[in-house]
PDB file of N, CA and C in Angstrom:
ATOM      1  N   MET A   1     -10.809-105.573  40.443  1.00  0.00           N
ATOM      2  CA  MET A   1      -9.571-106.674  40.001  1.00  0.00           C
ATOM      3  C   MET A   1     -10.087-107.880  38.877  1.00  0.00           C
ATOM      4  N   TYR A   2      -9.082-108.090  38.475  1.00  0.00           N
ATOM      5  CA  TYR A   2     -10.192-108.891  36.846  1.00  0.00           C
ATOM      6  C   TYR A   2      -9.076-110.473  37.509  1.00  0.00           C
ATOM      7  N   ASN A   3     -10.190-111.619  37.604  1.00  0.00           N
ATOM      8  CA  ASN A   3      -8.577-113.082  37.776  1.00  0.00           C
ATOM      9  C   ASN A   3      -9.256-114.008  36.315  1.00  0.00           C
ATOM     10  N   PRO A   4      -8.310-114.018  35.885  1.00  0.00           N
ATOM     11  CA  PRO A   4      -8.286-114.694  34.800  1.00  0.00           C
ATOM     12  C   PRO A   4      -8.754-115.849  34.835  1.00  0.00           C
ATOM     13  N   PRO A   5      -9.167-116.926  34.088  1.00  0.00           N
ATOM     14  CA  PRO A   5     -10.306-117.824  34.374  1.00  0.00           C
ATOM     15  C   PRO A   5      -8.833-119.228  34.857  1.00  0.00           C
ATOM     16  N   THR A   6      -9.096-119.976  35.359  1.00  0.00           N
ATOM     17  CA  THR A   6      -8.210-121.260  35.609  1.00  0.00           C
ATOM     18  C   THR A   6      -8.698-122.514  34.855  1.00  0.00           C
ATOM     19  N   ARG A   7      -7.457-123.501  34.290  1.00  0.00           N
ATOM     20  CA  ARG A   7      -8.136-124.364  33.634  1.00  0.00           C
ATOM     21  C   ARG A   7      -7.646-125.766  34.715  1.00  0.00           C
ATOM     22  N   ILE A   8      -8.798-126.396  34.512  1.00  0.00           N
ATOM     23  CA  ILE A   8      -8.914-127.635  35.329  1.00  0.00           C
ATOM     24  C   ILE A   8      -9.116-128.955  34.963  1.00  0.00           C
ATOM     25  N   THR A   9      -7.664-130.077  35.330  1.00  0.00           N
ATOM     26  CA  THR A   9      -8.112-131.165  34.346  1.00  0.00           C
ATOM     27  C   THR A   9      -8.307-132.071  35.231  1.00  0.00           C
ATOM     28  N   LEU A  10      -9.004-133.197  35.147  1.00  0.00           N
ATOM     29  CA  LEU A  10      -9.625-133.791  36.329  1.00  0.00           C
ATOM     30  C   LEU A  10      -8.894-135.349  35.708  1.00  0.00           C
ATOM     31  N   GLN A  11      -8.041-136.101  35.628  1.00  0.00           N
ATOM     32  CA  GLN A  11      -7.101-137.001  35.330  1.00  0.00           C
ATOM     33  C   GLN A  11      -8.252-138.504  35.622  1.00  0.00           C
ATOM     34  N   GLY A  12      -7.883-139.669  35.104  1.00  0.00           N
ATOM     35  CA  GLY A  12      -8.569-140.971  35.357  1.00  0.00           C
ATOM     36  C   GLY A  12      -9.150-140.926  33.975  1.00  0.00           C
ATOM     37  N   LYS A  13     -10.236-142.188  34.142  1.00  0.00           N
ATOM     38  CA  LYS A  13     -10.963-142.602  32.850  1.00  0.00           C
ATOM     39  C   LYS A  13     -11.995-141.842  32.220  1.00  0.00           C
ATOM     40  N   ASP A  14     -12.258-140.788  32.914  1.00  0.00           N
ATOM     41  CA  ASP A  14     -13.032-139.628  31.982  1.00  0.00           C
ATOM     42  C   ASP A  14     -12.281-138.447  31.876  1.00  0.00           C
ATOM     43  N   LYS A  15     -10.907-138.240  32.525  1.00  0.00           N
ATOM     44  CA  LYS A  15     -10.736-137.203  31.831  1.00  0.00           C
ATOM     45  C   LYS A  15     -10.677-136.409  30.822  1.00  0.00           C
ATOM     46  N   VAL A  16     -11.314-135.222  31.840  1.00  0.00           N
ATOM     47  CA  VAL A  16     -12.114-133.434  31.536  1.00  0.00           C
ATOM     48  C   VAL A  16     -11.270-132.683  31.851  1.00  0.00           C
ATOM     49  N   SER A  17     -11.132-131.953  31.331  1.00  0.00           N
ATOM     50  CA  SER A  17     -11.194-130.301  31.257  1.00  0.00           C
ATOM     51  C   SER A  17     -11.683-128.864  31.649  1.00  0.00           C
ATOM     52  N   PHE A  18     -11.388-128.329  31.926  1.00  0.00           N
ATOM     53  CA  PHE A  18     -12.778-127.005  31.737  1.00  0.00           C
ATOM     54  C   PHE A  18     -11.937-125.596  33.037  1.00  0.00           C
ATOM     55  N   LEU A  19     -12.740-124.419  31.997  1.00  0.00           N
ATOM     56  CA  LEU A  19     -12.383-123.539  32.158  1.00  0.00           C
ATOM     57  C   LEU A  19     -12.957-122.494  33.574  1.00  0.00           C
ATOM     58  N   ILE A  20     -12.545-122.132  34.566  1.00  0.00           N
ATOM     59  CA  ILE A  20     -13.527-121.838  35.926  1.00  0.00           C
ATOM     60  C   ILE A  20     -12.962-120.215  36.712  1.00  0.00           C
ATOM     61  N   GLY A  21     -13.773-119.652  37.034  1.00  0.00           N
ATOM     62  CA  GLY A  21     -13.548-118.315  37.510  1.00  0.00           C
ATOM     63  C   GLY A  21     -12.898-117.902  38.349  1.00  0.00           C
ATOM     64  N   ALA A  22     -12.675-118.812  38.959  1.00  0.00           N
ATOM     65  CA  ALA A  22     -12.038-118.955  40.664  1.00  0.00           C
ATOM     66  C   ALA A  22     -11.372-117.557  41.085  1.00  0.00           C
ATOM     67  N   GLY A  23     -11.417-117.068  42.015  1.00  0.00           N
ATOM     68  CA  GLY A  23     -10.453-116.211  42.154  1.00  0.00           C
ATOM     69  C   GLY A  23      -8.167-116.511  43.168  1.00  0.00           C
ATOM     70  N   SER A  24      -8.023-115.651  43.062  1.00  0.00           N
ATOM     71  CA  SER A  24      -6.703-116.448  43.361  1.00  0.00           C
ATOM     72  C   SER A  24      -6.870-116.905  45.163  1.00  0.00           C
ATOM     73  N   ARG A  25      -7.652-116.357  45.789  1.00  0.00           N
ATOM     74  CA  ARG A  25      -8.022-116.860  47.105  1.00  0.00           C
ATOM     75  C   ARG A  25      -8.556-117.995  47.625  1.00  0.00           C
ATOM     76  N   ASP A  26      -9.847-118.423  46.711  1.00  0.00           N
ATOM     77  CA  ASP A  26     -10.764-119.002  47.124  1.00  0.00           C
ATOM     78  C   ASP A  26     -10.587-120.446  46.847  1.00  0.00           C
ATOM     79  N   GLU A  27     -11.088-120.898  48.032  1.00  0.00           N
ATOM     80  CA  GLU A  27     -11.287-122.479  48.296  1.00  0.00           C
ATOM     81  C   GLU A  27     -11.945-123.050  47.412  1.00  0.00           C
ATOM     82  N   ILE A  28     -11.102-124.344  46.263  1.00  0.00           N
ATOM     83  CA  ILE A  28     -12.098-124.282  45.094  1.00  0.00           C
ATOM     84  C   ILE A  28     -12.190-126.294  45.528  1.00  0.00           C
ATOM     85  N   THR A  29     -13.977-126.750  45.515  1.00  0.00           N
ATOM     86  CA  THR A  29     -13.915-127.700  45.825  1.00  0.00           C
ATOM     87  C   THR A  29     -14.966-128.564  44.804  1.00  0.00           C
ATOM     88  N   ILE A  30     -14.466-129.851  44.404  1.00  0.00           N
ATOM     89  CA  ILE A  30     -14.515-130.244  42.836  1.00  0.00           C
ATOM     90  C   ILE A  30     -15.749-131.532  43.009  1.00  0.00           C
ATOM     91  N   LEU A  31     -17.084-132.079  42.882  1.00  0.00           N
ATOM     92  CA  LEU A  31     -17.724-132.264  42.825  1.00  0.00           C
ATOM     93  C   LEU A  31     -18.394-133.095  42.058  1.00  0.00           C
ATOM     94  N   ALA A  32     -18.125-134.375  42.228  1.00  0.00           N
ATOM     95  CA  ALA A  32     -19.453-135.195  40.722  1.00  0.00           C
ATOM     96  C   ALA A  32     -20.364-136.040  40.819  1.00  0.00           C
ATOM     97  N   GLU A  33     -21.464-135.736  39.881  1.00  0.00           N
ATOM     98  CA  GLU A  33     -22.762-136.332  40.210  1.00  0.00           C
ATOM     99  C   GLU A  33     -23.064-137.362  38.783  1.00  0.00           C
ATOM    100  N   GLY A  34     -23.781-138.397  39.155  1.00  0.00           N
ATOM    101  CA  GLY A  34     -23.766-139.410  37.999  1.00  0.00           C
ATOM    102  C   GLY A  34     -22.639-139.696  37.562  1.00  0.00           C
ATOM    103  N   THR A  35     -23.141-140.564  36.085  1.00  0.00           N
ATOM    104  CA  THR A  35     -22.214-141.098  35.446  1.00  0.00           C
ATOM    105  C   THR A  35     -22.762-141.271  33.972  1.00  0.00           C
ATOM    106  N   GLY A  36     -21.844-142.029  33.235  1.00  0.00           N
ATOM    107  CA  GLY A  36     -21.600-141.656  31.686  1.00  0.00           C
ATOM    108  C   GLY A  36     -22.108-140.572  31.227  1.00  0.00           C
ATOM    109  N   PRO A  37     -23.108-140.037  30.633  1.00  0.00           N
ATOM    110  CA  PRO A  37     -23.022-138.641  29.267  1.00  0.00           C
ATOM    111  C   PRO A  37     -23.800-137.935  30.745  1.00  0.00           C
ATOM    112  N   ASP A  38     -24.355-138.826  31.159  1.00  0.00           N
ATOM    113  CA  ASP A  38     -25.236-137.970  32.457  1.00  0.00           C
ATOM    114  C   ASP A  38     -24.566-137.275  33.759  1.00  0.00           C
ATOM    115  N   ARG A  39     -23.151-137.442  33.338  1.00  0.00           N
ATOM    116  CA  ARG A  39     -21.967-137.090  35.036  1.00  0.00           C
ATOM    117  C   ARG A  39     -22.110-135.571  34.435  1.00  0.00           C
ATOM    118  N   ARG A  40     -21.858-134.713  35.998  1.00  0.00           N
ATOM    119  CA  ARG A  40     -22.193-133.702  36.015  1.00  0.00           C
ATOM    120  C   ARG A  40     -20.829-133.396  36.855  1.00  0.00           C
ATOM    121  N   TYR A  41     -20.095-132.184  36.916  1.00  0.00           N
ATOM    122  CA  TYR A  41     -19.247-131.545  37.466  1.00  0.00           C
ATOM    123  C   TYR A  41     -19.701-130.439  37.793  1.00  0.00           C
ATOM    124  N   TYR A  42     -19.438-130.108  39.657  1.00  0.00           N
ATOM    125  CA  TYR A  42     -20.004-129.007  40.389  1.00  0.00           C
ATOM    126  C   TYR A  42     -18.632-128.330  40.709  1.00  0.00           C
ATOM    127  N   VAL A  43     -18.252-127.018  40.567  1.00  0.00           N
ATOM    128  CA  VAL A  43     -16.906-126.513  41.175  1.00  0.00           C
ATOM    129  C   VAL A  43     -17.299-125.515  42.193  1.00  0.00           C
ATOM    130  N   VAL A  44     -17.286-125.696  43.469  1.00  0.00           N
ATOM    131  CA  VAL A  44     -17.636-124.754  44.219  1.00  0.00           C
ATOM    132  C   VAL A  44     -16.788-124.207  44.439  1.00  0.00           C
ATOM    133  N   CYS A  45     -16.681-122.365  44.487  1.00  0.00           N
ATOM    134  CA  CYS A  45     -15.915-121.901  44.818  1.00  0.00           C
ATOM    135  C   CYS A  45     -16.083-120.765  46.162  1.00  0.00           C
ATOM    136  N   VAL A  46     -15.195-120.960  47.088  1.00  0.00           N
ATOM    137  CA  VAL A  46     -15.658-119.980  48.599  1.00  0.00           C
ATOM    138  C   VAL A  46     -14.361-119.224  48.790  1.00  0.00           C
ATOM    139  N   ASN A  47     -15.185-118.142  49.079  1.00  0.00           N
ATOM    140  CA  ASN A  47     -13.977-116.993  49.686  1.00  0.00           C
ATOM    141  C   ASN A  47     -14.555-116.756  51.243  1.00  0.00           C
ATOM    142  N   HIS A  48     -13.505-117.007  52.121  1.00  0.00           N
ATOM    143  CA  HIS A  48     -14.260-117.099  53.484  1.00  0.00           C
ATOM    144  C   HIS A  48     -13.739-115.353  53.991  1.00  0.00           C
ATOM    145  N   GLY A  49     -12.848-115.028  53.730  1.00  0.00           N
ATOM    146  CA  GLY A  49     -12.287-113.468  53.822  1.00  0.00           C
ATOM    147  C   GLY A  49     -13.672-112.446  53.284  1.00  0.00           C
ATOM    148  N   LEU A  50     -13.961-113.032  52.026  1.00  0.00           N
ATOM    149  CA  LEU A  50     -14.416-111.755  51.154  1.00  0.00           C
ATOM    150  C   LEU A  50     -16.240-111.948  51.778  1.00  0.00           C
ATOM    151  N   ALA A  51     -16.581-113.522  52.299  1.00  0.00           N
ATOM    152  CA  ALA A  51     -17.916-114.313  51.879  1.00  0.00           C
ATOM    153  C   ALA A  51     -18.607-114.006  50.801  1.00  0.00           C
ATOM    154  N   TYR A  52     -18.109-114.404  49.769  1.00  0.00           N
ATOM    155  CA  TYR A  52     -18.932-114.545  48.735  1.00  0.00           C
ATOM    156  C   TYR A  52     -18.796-116.384  48.045  1.00  0.00           C
ATOM    157  N   ALA A  53     -19.871-116.898  47.699  1.00  0.00           N
ATOM    158  CA  ALA A  53     -19.736-118.114  47.008  1.00  0.00           C
ATOM    159  C   ALA A  53     -20.076-118.113  45.451  1.00  0.00           C
ATOM    160  N   GLY A  54     -19.851-119.413  44.843  1.00  0.00           N
ATOM    161  CA  GLY A  54     -20.479-119.766  43.712  1.00  0.00           C
ATOM    162  C   GLY A  54     -19.766-121.299  43.531  1.00  0.00           C
ATOM    163  N   VAL A  55     -20.964-122.059  42.382  1.00  0.00           N
ATOM    164  CA  VAL A  55     -20.854-122.932  41.530  1.00  0.00           C
ATOM    165  C   VAL A  55     -20.738-122.651  40.127  1.00  0.00           C
ATOM    166  N   GLU A  56     -19.960-123.494  39.680  1.00  0.00           N
ATOM    167  CA  GLU A  56     -20.134-123.642  38.088  1.00  0.00           C
ATOM    168  C   GLU A  56     -20.560-125.189  37.999  1.00  0.00           C
ATOM    169  N   ILE A  57     -21.147-125.486  36.686  1.00  0.00           N
ATOM    170  CA  ILE A  57     -21.774-126.614  36.388  1.00  0.00           C
ATOM    171  C   ILE A  57     -21.077-127.253  35.200  1.00  0.00           C
ATOM    172  N   PHE A  58     -20.549-128.635  35.404  1.00  0.00           N
ATOM    173  CA  PHE A  58     -19.913-128.660  33.927  1.00  0.00           C
ATOM    174  C   PHE A  58     -20.715-130.106  33.174  1.00  0.00           C
ATOM    175  N   ASN A  59     -20.538-130.356  31.916  1.00  0.00           N
ATOM    176  CA  ASN A  59     -21.036-131.940  32.167  1.00  0.00           C
ATOM    177  C   ASN A  59     -19.845-132.379  31.297  1.00  0.00           C
ATOM    178  N   VAL A  60     -19.868-133.533  30.854  1.00  0.00           N
ATOM    179  CA  VAL A  60     -19.049-134.619  30.980  1.00  0.00           C
ATOM    180  C   VAL A  60     -17.704-134.250  30.295  1.00  0.00           C
ATOM    181  N   THR A  61     -18.566-133.492  28.833  1.00  0.00           N
ATOM    182  CA  THR A  61     -16.928-133.399  28.131  1.00  0.00           C
ATOM    183  C   THR A  61     -16.835-131.910  28.467  1.00  0.00           C
ATOM    184  N   GLY A  62     -16.880-131.412  30.016  1.00  0.00           N
ATOM    185  CA  GLY A  62     -16.372-129.775  29.944  1.00  0.00           C
ATOM    186  C   GLY A  62     -16.799-128.606  29.882  1.00  0.00           C
ATOM    187  N   GLU A  63     -18.138-128.881  29.364  1.00  0.00           N
ATOM    188  CA  GLU A  63     -18.751-127.758  28.680  1.00  0.00           C
ATOM    189  C   GLU A  63     -19.869-127.412  29.504  1.00  0.00           C
ATOM    190  N   PRO A  64     -19.870-125.605  29.680  1.00  0.00           N
ATOM    191  CA  PRO A  64     -20.252-125.582  30.797  1.00  0.00           C
ATOM    192  C   PRO A  64     -21.719-125.681  30.671  1.00  0.00           C
ATOM    193  N   ALA A  65     -22.892-125.871  31.817  1.00  0.00           N
ATOM    194  CA  ALA A  65     -23.961-125.886  32.138  1.00  0.00           C
ATOM    195  C   ALA A  65     -24.810-125.062  32.932  1.00  0.00           C
ATOM    196  N   GLY A  66     -23.798-124.164  33.465  1.00  0.00           N
ATOM    197  CA  GLY A  66     -24.651-122.897  34.058  1.00  0.00           C
ATOM    198  C   GLY A  66     -23.825-122.828  35.253  1.00  0.00           C
ATOM    199  N   ASP A  67     -24.220-121.590  36.383  1.00  0.00           N
ATOM    200  CA  ASP A  67     -23.318-120.744  37.190  1.00  0.00           C
ATOM    201  C   ASP A  67     -24.291-120.286  37.736  1.00  0.00           C
ATOM    202  N   MET A  68     -24.082-120.151  39.216  1.00  0.00           N
ATOM    203  CA  MET A  68     -24.441-119.172  40.712  1.00  0.00           C
ATOM    204  C   MET A  68     -23.379-118.551  40.619  1.00  0.00           C
ATOM    205  N   PHE A  69     -23.637-117.174  40.975  1.00  0.00           N
ATOM    206  CA  PHE A  69     -22.577-116.886  41.841  1.00  0.00           C
ATOM    207  C   PHE A  69     -23.756-115.334  42.792  1.00  0.00           C
ATOM    208  N   LEU A  70     -22.652-115.599  44.948  1.00  0.00           N
ATOM    209  CA  LEU A  70     -23.653-114.670  45.225  1.00  0.00           C
ATOM    210  C   LEU A  70     -22.308-113.803  45.872  1.00  0.00           C
ATOM    211  N   GLN A  71     -22.147-112.756  45.435  1.00  0.00           N
ATOM    212  CA  GLN A  71     -21.064-111.770  46.091  1.00  0.00           C
ATOM    213  C   GLN A  71     -21.493-111.016  47.274  1.00  0.00           C
ATOM    214  N   TYR A  72     -22.677-110.587  47.021  1.00  0.00           N
ATOM    215  CA  TYR A  72     -23.474-109.234  48.508  1.00  0.00           C
ATOM    216  C   TYR A  72     -23.724-110.162  49.694  1.00  0.00           C
ATOM    217  N   ASP A  73     -23.559-109.757  50.727  1.00  0.00           N
ATOM    218  CA  ASP A  73     -24.026-110.448  51.700  1.00  0.00           C
ATOM    219  C   ASP A  73     -25.254-110.438  51.965  1.00  0.00           C
ATOM    220  N   HIS A  74     -26.311-109.860  51.410  1.00  0.00           N
ATOM    221  CA  HIS A  74     -27.481-110.078  51.524  1.00  0.00           C
ATOM    222  C   HIS A  74     -28.254-111.412  50.771  1.00  0.00           C
ATOM    223  N   GLU A  75     -27.758-111.100  49.845  1.00  0.00           N
ATOM    224  CA  GLU A  75     -27.507-113.011  48.858  1.00  0.00           C
ATOM    225  C   GLU A  75     -26.976-114.042  49.138  1.00  0.00           C
ATOM    226  N   VAL A  76     -26.204-114.076  49.950  1.00  0.00           N
ATOM    227  CA  VAL A  76     -25.602-115.054  51.014  1.00  0.00           C
ATOM    228  C   VAL A  76     -26.403-115.501  51.482  1.00  0.00           C
ATOM    229  N   ALA A  77     -26.606-114.449  52.623  1.00  0.00           N
ATOM    230  CA  ALA A  77     -28.164-114.815  53.703  1.00  0.00           C
ATOM    231  C   ALA A  77     -29.160-115.091  53.086  1.00  0.00           C
ATOM    232  N   ASP A  78     -29.802-114.968  51.883  1.00  0.00           N
ATOM    233  CA  ASP A  78     -31.219-115.334  51.467  1.00  0.00           C
ATOM    234  C   ASP A  78     -30.851-116.641  51.062  1.00  0.00           C
ATOM    235  N   ILE A  79     -29.985-116.774  50.291  1.00  0.00           N
ATOM    236  CA  ILE A  79     -30.194-118.151  49.499  1.00  0.00           C
ATOM    237  C   ILE A  79     -29.030-119.595  50.352  1.00  0.00           C
ATOM    238  N   LEU A  80     -28.120-119.125  51.032  1.00  0.00           N
ATOM    239  CA  LEU A  80     -27.215-119.875  51.917  1.00  0.00           C
ATOM    240  C   LEU A  80     -27.980-120.447  52.912  1.00  0.00           C
ATOM    241  N   GLY A  81     -28.800-118.876  54.034  1.00  0.00           N
ATOM    242  CA  GLY A  81     -29.087-118.741  55.020  1.00  0.00           C
ATOM    243  C   GLY A  81     -28.014-118.455  55.849  1.00  0.00           C
ATOM    244  N   PRO A  82     -28.349-118.608  57.004  1.00  0.00           N
ATOM    245  CA  PRO A  82     -27.229-117.463  58.141  1.00  0.00           C
ATOM    246  C   PRO A  82     -26.086-117.813  58.309  1.00  0.00           C
ATOM    247  N   ARG A  83     -25.975-119.788  57.920  1.00  0.00           N
ATOM    248  CA  ARG A  83     -24.312-119.710  58.340  1.00  0.00           C
ATOM    249  C   ARG A  83     -23.282-119.659  56.696  1.00  0.00           C
ATOM    250  N   GLY A  84     -24.127-118.895  55.515  1.00  0.00           N
ATOM    251  CA  GLY A  84     -23.545-118.365  54.537  1.00  0.00           C
ATOM    252  C   GLY A  84     -22.354-119.837  54.140  1.00  0.00           C
ATOM    253  N   VAL A  85     -21.362-118.621  54.100  1.00  0.00           N
ATOM    254  CA  VAL A  85     -20.333-119.391  53.348  1.00  0.00           C
ATOM    255  C   VAL A  85     -19.660-120.633  54.343  1.00  0.00           C
ATOM    256  N   GLY A  86     -19.748-120.404  55.440  1.00  0.00           N
ATOM    257  CA  GLY A  86     -19.608-121.921  56.763  1.00  0.00           C
ATOM    258  C   GLY A  86     -20.138-122.591  56.476  1.00  0.00           C
ATOM    259  N   LEU A  87     -21.584-123.240  55.243  1.00  0.00           N
ATOM    260  CA  LEU A  87     -21.247-124.116  55.185  1.00  0.00           C
ATOM    261  C   LEU A  87     -21.002-125.117  54.191  1.00  0.00           C
ATOM    262  N   THR A  88     -21.254-126.149  54.037  1.00  0.00           N
ATOM    263  CA  THR A  88     -19.901-127.137  53.124  1.00  0.00           C
ATOM    264  C   THR A  88     -20.293-127.151  51.658  1.00  0.00           C
ATOM    265  N   PRO A  89     -19.196-127.548  51.100  1.00  0.00           N
ATOM    266  CA  PRO A  89     -19.655-127.308  49.824  1.00  0.00           C
ATOM    267  C   PRO A  89     -20.407-128.137  49.108  1.00  0.00           C
ATOM    268  N   ILE A  90     -20.446-128.951  49.817  1.00  0.00           N
ATOM    269  CA  ILE A  90     -21.733-130.219  49.073  1.00  0.00           C
ATOM    270  C   ILE A  90     -22.812-129.739  48.879  1.00  0.00           C
ATOM    271  N   THR A  91     -23.233-128.926  50.396  1.00  0.00           N
ATOM    272  CA  THR A  91     -24.833-128.119  50.744  1.00  0.00           C
ATOM    273  C   THR A  91     -24.617-126.849  50.144  1.00  0.00           C
ATOM    274  N   ILE A  92     -23.456-126.144  49.735  1.00  0.00           N
ATOM    275  CA  ILE A  92     -23.213-125.063  48.816  1.00  0.00           C
ATOM    276  C   ILE A  92     -23.812-124.872  47.470  1.00  0.00           C
ATOM    277  N   ALA A  93     -23.650-126.594  47.183  1.00  0.00           N
ATOM    278  CA  ALA A  93     -23.810-126.710  45.607  1.00  0.00           C
ATOM    279  C   ALA A  93     -25.019-127.039  45.462  1.00  0.00           C
ATOM    280  N   LYS A  94     -25.118-127.856  46.333  1.00  0.00           N
ATOM    281  CA  LYS A  94     -26.856-128.198  46.019  1.00  0.00           C
ATOM    282  C   LYS A  94     -28.144-127.355  45.742  1.00  0.00           C
ATOM    283  N   ARG A  95     -27.961-126.049  46.940  1.00  0.00           N
ATOM    284  CA  ARG A  95     -28.011-125.043  47.021  1.00  0.00           C
ATOM    285  C   ARG A  95     -28.432-123.739  46.224  1.00  0.00           C
ATOM    286  N   LEU A  96     -27.063-123.493  45.449  1.00  0.00           N
ATOM    287  CA  LEU A  96     -27.069-122.869  44.304  1.00  0.00           C
ATOM    288  C   LEU A  96     -27.460-123.192  43.145  1.00  0.00           C
ATOM    289  N   ALA A  97     -27.392-124.801  43.026  1.00  0.00           N
ATOM    290  CA  ALA A  97     -27.423-125.370  41.596  1.00  0.00           C
ATOM    291  C   ALA A  97     -29.044-125.400  41.328  1.00  0.00           C
ATOM    292  N   GLN A  98     -29.716-125.524  42.555  1.00  0.00           N
ATOM    293  CA  GLN A  98     -31.582-124.977  42.340  1.00  0.00           C
ATOM    294  C   GLN A  98     -31.476-123.585  41.361  1.00  0.00           C
ATOM    295  N   TYR A  99     -30.795-123.113  41.438  1.00  0.00           N
ATOM    296  CA  TYR A  99     -31.073-121.931  40.972  1.00  0.00           C
ATOM    297  C   TYR A  99     -30.386-121.646  38.934  1.00  0.00           C
ATOM    298  N   ILE A 100     -30.233-122.795  38.416  1.00  0.00           N
ATOM    299  CA  ILE A 100     -29.672-123.133  37.370  1.00  0.00           C
ATOM    300  C   ILE A 100     -30.312-123.748  36.471  1.00  0.00           C
ATOM    301  N   ASP A 101     -30.449-123.283  35.290  1.00  0.00           N
ATOM    302  CA  ASP A 101     -31.679-123.960  34.437  1.00  0.00           C
ATOM    303  C   ASP A 101     -30.531-124.918  33.632  1.00  0.00           C
ATOM    304  N   GLY A 102     -31.181-126.041  33.065  1.00  0.00           N
ATOM    305  CA  GLY A 102     -30.046-126.794  32.390  1.00  0.00           C
ATOM    306  C   GLY A 102     -29.135-128.063  33.397  1.00  0.00           C
TER     307      GLY A 102
END
């Protein structure tokens, strides 16, 4: 089943927009880190029912900076640990971001 991308627009002084690849039943959390031109946005998508998780990283202009997606049980267990998708979004973002270049 194909999920078309979803456009997320953050309002405020940085007003930024980006396309994400989340599924229709995913829990989406957006985290920000840094300031000015070094600011990055982490979009964490978790599906508790299907037990998968992913993170997409965007720069301050909304351009993709990398992504990591775990779909299979062994991937989730190996990388996220025994709590898997039960971890907090910030913990999932930190663990997955380690595997993204850029």
